[in-house]
Amino acid sequence: MAEKAQDKKQETKQGSTGTKESKVKVMAKSNSGAGTTLNVNIEGVPKVIIHGEVLEMTNKQLQKLKISSSSWSYEEVEKKEDTK
């Protein structure tokens, strides 16, 4: 019986880590304007973000970024695929 309980715990754990979060594309914008940078320490996000830079990240990372600096905003951009 103890084995069944352990198996169930492992299945639950694998199920939560096995799913990938969907990523969003956002453009970072500073209230100060062009040439402004933001230094962050968030896993999976560039250490330095530049005003106007387009970033691809999960919603969780985006929420952490929004909390880290109130003078920056993140505008969602549509994915544009080049067809040549």
N, C-alpha and C. Protein backbone atom coordinates (compact mmCIF):
# COMPACT_ATOMS: atom_id res chain seq x y z
N MET A 1 0.81 -1.20 0.00
CA MET A 1 0.00 0.00 0.00
C MET A 1 0.86 1.26 0.00
N ALA A 2 1.96 1.20 0.70
CA ALA A 2 2.85 2.37 0.74
C ALA A 2 3.40 2.67 -0.65
N GLU A 3 3.64 1.62 -1.43
CA GLU A 3 4.17 1.80 -2.79
C GLU A 3 3.16 2.55 -3.66
N LYS A 4 1.89 2.22 -3.53
CA LYS A 4 0.86 2.88 -4.34
C LYS A 4 0.79 4.36 -4.02
N ALA A 5 0.92 4.71 -2.76
CA ALA A 5 0.89 6.12 -2.36
C ALA A 5 2.08 6.86 -2.95
N GLN A 6 3.26 6.23 -2.94
CA GLN A 6 4.45 6.86 -3.51
C GLN A 6 4.30 7.02 -5.02
N ASP A 7 3.78 6.00 -5.69
CA ASP A 7 3.58 6.08 -7.14
C ASP A 7 2.64 7.23 -7.48
N LYS A 8 1.58 7.37 -6.71
CA LYS A 8 0.61 8.43 -6.96
C LYS A 8 1.26 9.81 -6.78
N LYS A 9 2.12 9.96 -5.77
CA LYS A 9 2.83 11.22 -5.55
C LYS A 9 3.73 11.54 -6.73
N GLN A 10 4.45 10.53 -7.23
CA GLN A 10 5.35 10.74 -8.36
C GLN A 10 4.57 11.13 -9.61
N GLU A 11 3.44 10.50 -9.85
CA GLU A 11 2.62 10.83 -11.02
C GLU A 11 2.15 12.28 -10.94
N THR A 12 1.72 12.69 -9.77
CA THR A 12 1.25 14.06 -9.58
C THR A 12 2.39 15.04 -9.83
N LYS A 13 3.55 14.73 -9.30
CA LYS A 13 4.72 15.59 -9.46
C LYS A 13 5.10 15.70 -10.94
N GLN A 14 5.15 14.58 -11.64
CA GLN A 14 5.52 14.58 -13.05
C GLN A 14 4.49 15.32 -13.88
N GLY A 15 3.24 15.19 -13.55
CA GLY A 15 2.18 15.86 -14.29
C GLY A 15 2.30 17.37 -14.24
N SER A 16 2.69 17.89 -13.09
CA SER A 16 2.78 19.35 -12.96
C SER A 16 4.02 19.89 -13.64
N THR A 17 5.11 19.14 -13.66
CA THR A 17 6.34 19.63 -14.29
C THR A 17 6.39 19.28 -15.77
N GLY A 18 5.60 18.32 -16.20
CA GLY A 18 5.64 17.89 -17.58
C GLY A 18 4.98 18.86 -18.55
N THR A 19 4.07 19.66 -18.07
CA THR A 19 3.39 20.60 -18.94
C THR A 19 4.20 21.88 -19.08
N LYS A 20 4.34 22.34 -20.30
CA LYS A 20 5.09 23.58 -20.55
C LYS A 20 4.13 24.76 -20.53
N GLU A 21 4.59 25.85 -19.92
CA GLU A 21 3.77 27.06 -19.92
C GLU A 21 3.86 27.70 -21.30
N SER A 22 2.75 28.25 -21.74
CA SER A 22 2.77 28.92 -23.03
C SER A 22 3.56 30.22 -22.90
N LYS A 23 4.25 30.56 -23.96
CA LYS A 23 5.07 31.76 -23.94
C LYS A 23 4.36 32.90 -24.66
N VAL A 24 4.65 34.09 -24.21
CA VAL A 24 4.09 35.29 -24.83
C VAL A 24 5.23 36.17 -25.30
N LYS A 25 4.97 36.94 -26.36
CA LYS A 25 5.97 37.90 -26.85
C LYS A 25 5.53 39.28 -26.40
N VAL A 26 6.46 39.97 -25.75
CA VAL A 26 6.16 41.32 -25.27
C VAL A 26 7.28 42.28 -25.64
N MET A 27 6.90 43.55 -25.79
CA MET A 27 7.90 44.59 -26.02
C MET A 27 8.05 45.37 -24.72
N ALA A 28 9.29 45.46 -24.25
CA ALA A 28 9.58 46.18 -23.01
C ALA A 28 9.64 47.67 -23.29
N LYS A 29 8.94 48.44 -22.48
CA LYS A 29 8.93 49.90 -22.66
C LYS A 29 9.18 50.57 -21.32
N SER A 30 10.12 51.50 -21.33
CA SER A 30 10.43 52.26 -20.13
C SER A 30 9.73 53.61 -20.19
N ASN A 31 9.32 54.11 -19.04
CA ASN A 31 8.71 55.44 -18.99
C ASN A 31 9.74 56.51 -19.34
N SER A 32 11.03 56.20 -19.17
CA SER A 32 12.11 57.16 -19.45
C SER A 32 12.44 57.26 -20.94
N GLY A 33 12.01 56.28 -21.73
CA GLY A 33 12.22 56.35 -23.17
C GLY A 33 13.42 55.58 -23.68
N ALA A 34 13.78 55.85 -24.93
CA ALA A 34 14.84 55.12 -25.65
C ALA A 34 16.17 55.18 -24.92
N GLY A 35 16.92 54.09 -25.04
CA GLY A 35 18.25 54.03 -24.45
C GLY A 35 18.26 53.60 -23.00
N THR A 36 17.09 53.40 -22.42
CA THR A 36 17.00 53.00 -21.02
C THR A 36 17.15 51.49 -20.89
N THR A 37 17.85 51.05 -19.86
CA THR A 37 18.00 49.61 -19.61
C THR A 37 17.50 49.27 -18.21
N LEU A 38 17.15 48.00 -18.05
CA LEU A 38 16.69 47.50 -16.76
C LEU A 38 17.48 46.24 -16.44
N ASN A 39 18.13 46.21 -15.29
CA ASN A 39 18.86 45.03 -14.84
C ASN A 39 17.94 44.18 -13.98
N VAL A 40 17.80 42.90 -14.36
CA VAL A 40 16.93 41.99 -13.61
C VAL A 40 17.66 40.69 -13.31
N ASN A 41 17.16 39.97 -12.33
CA ASN A 41 17.72 38.67 -11.99
C ASN A 41 16.58 37.67 -11.87
N ILE A 42 16.00 37.35 -13.03
CA ILE A 42 14.88 36.41 -13.10
C ILE A 42 15.30 35.27 -14.03
N GLU A 43 15.15 34.05 -13.56
CA GLU A 43 15.57 32.89 -14.33
C GLU A 43 14.84 32.83 -15.67
N GLY A 44 15.60 32.65 -16.76
CA GLY A 44 15.02 32.55 -18.09
C GLY A 44 14.79 33.88 -18.78
N VAL A 45 15.16 34.97 -18.13
CA VAL A 45 14.97 36.31 -18.68
C VAL A 45 16.35 36.95 -18.81
N PRO A 46 16.62 37.68 -19.91
CA PRO A 46 17.93 38.34 -20.05
C PRO A 46 18.24 39.22 -18.84
N LYS A 47 19.51 39.28 -18.46
CA LYS A 47 19.93 40.07 -17.29
C LYS A 47 19.70 41.56 -17.50
N VAL A 48 19.87 42.02 -18.75
CA VAL A 48 19.67 43.44 -19.06
C VAL A 48 18.60 43.55 -20.14
N ILE A 49 17.57 44.33 -19.85
CA ILE A 49 16.48 44.54 -20.80
C ILE A 49 16.57 45.97 -21.30
N ILE A 50 16.47 46.14 -22.61
CA ILE A 50 16.59 47.45 -23.25
C ILE A 50 15.20 47.92 -23.69
N HIS A 51 14.94 49.22 -23.53
CA HIS A 51 13.67 49.80 -23.97
C HIS A 51 13.44 49.47 -25.45
N GLY A 52 12.28 48.93 -25.79
CA GLY A 52 11.93 48.59 -27.16
C GLY A 52 12.28 47.16 -27.55
N GLU A 53 12.95 46.43 -26.66
CA GLU A 53 13.35 45.06 -26.95
C GLU A 53 12.14 44.13 -26.89
N VAL A 54 12.07 43.18 -27.85
CA VAL A 54 10.99 42.20 -27.85
C VAL A 54 11.50 40.94 -27.14
N LEU A 55 10.75 40.49 -26.16
CA LEU A 55 11.14 39.33 -25.35
C LEU A 55 10.07 38.25 -25.44
N GLU A 56 10.51 36.99 -25.35
CA GLU A 56 9.57 35.88 -25.30
C GLU A 56 9.75 35.19 -23.96
N MET A 57 8.66 35.10 -23.20
CA MET A 57 8.74 34.53 -21.85
C MET A 57 7.40 33.97 -21.43
N THR A 58 7.40 33.26 -20.31
CA THR A 58 6.15 32.71 -19.77
C THR A 58 5.41 33.81 -19.01
N ASN A 59 4.14 33.57 -18.76
CA ASN A 59 3.33 34.54 -18.02
C ASN A 59 3.87 34.74 -16.61
N LYS A 60 4.40 33.68 -16.02
CA LYS A 60 4.96 33.77 -14.66
C LYS A 60 6.16 34.71 -14.65
N GLN A 61 7.05 34.57 -15.65
CA GLN A 61 8.21 35.45 -15.75
C GLN A 61 7.77 36.89 -15.99
N LEU A 62 6.75 37.06 -16.81
CA LEU A 62 6.23 38.40 -17.10
C LEU A 62 5.69 39.06 -15.83
N GLN A 63 4.98 38.31 -15.01
CA GLN A 63 4.45 38.85 -13.76
C GLN A 63 5.59 39.29 -12.84
N LYS A 64 6.66 38.49 -12.77
CA LYS A 64 7.82 38.85 -11.94
C LYS A 64 8.47 40.13 -12.45
N LEU A 65 8.55 40.26 -13.78
CA LEU A 65 9.12 41.47 -14.37
C LEU A 65 8.28 42.70 -14.02
N LYS A 66 6.99 42.57 -14.14
CA LYS A 66 6.09 43.69 -13.85
C LYS A 66 6.23 44.14 -12.40
N ILE A 67 6.42 43.19 -11.50
CA ILE A 67 6.58 43.50 -10.09
C ILE A 67 7.93 44.17 -9.82
N SER A 68 8.96 43.78 -10.58
CA SER A 68 10.32 44.26 -10.31
C SER A 68 10.51 45.75 -10.59
N SER A 69 9.76 46.32 -11.52
CA SER A 69 9.92 47.74 -11.80
C SER A 69 8.61 48.35 -12.29
N SER A 70 8.13 49.32 -11.53
CA SER A 70 6.85 49.95 -11.88
C SER A 70 7.00 50.97 -13.00
N SER A 71 8.24 51.37 -13.31
CA SER A 71 8.44 52.38 -14.36
C SER A 71 8.58 51.74 -15.75
N TRP A 72 8.39 50.43 -15.83
CA TRP A 72 8.45 49.71 -17.11
C TRP A 72 7.10 49.08 -17.39
N SER A 73 6.75 49.01 -18.69
CA SER A 73 5.53 48.33 -19.09
C SER A 73 5.88 47.32 -20.17
N TYR A 74 5.01 46.36 -20.36
CA TYR A 74 5.26 45.28 -21.32
C TYR A 74 4.03 45.11 -22.19
N GLU A 75 4.19 45.47 -23.47
CA GLU A 75 3.09 45.45 -24.42
C GLU A 75 3.17 44.16 -25.23
N GLU A 76 2.10 43.38 -25.22
CA GLU A 76 2.09 42.12 -25.94
C GLU A 76 2.10 42.38 -27.45
N VAL A 77 2.96 41.65 -28.15
CA VAL A 77 3.05 41.78 -29.61
C VAL A 77 2.67 40.46 -30.24
N GLU A 78 2.09 40.53 -31.42
CA GLU A 78 1.70 39.31 -32.12
C GLU A 78 2.91 38.68 -32.77
N LYS A 79 2.87 37.36 -32.86
CA LYS A 79 3.97 36.66 -33.53
C LYS A 79 3.80 36.83 -35.03
N LYS A 80 4.80 37.41 -35.65
CA LYS A 80 4.76 37.60 -37.11
C LYS A 80 5.76 36.64 -37.73
N GLU A 81 5.25 35.80 -38.62
CA GLU A 81 6.13 34.83 -39.27
C GLU A 81 6.47 35.33 -40.66
N ASP A 82 7.76 35.32 -40.97
CA ASP A 82 8.21 35.74 -42.29
C ASP A 82 7.95 34.64 -43.31
N THR A 83 7.31 34.99 -44.40
CA THR A 83 7.07 34.02 -45.47
C THR A 83 7.74 34.53 -46.73
N LYS A 84 8.79 33.84 -47.13
CA LYS A 84 9.52 34.25 -48.33
C LYS A 84 9.63 33.11 -49.29
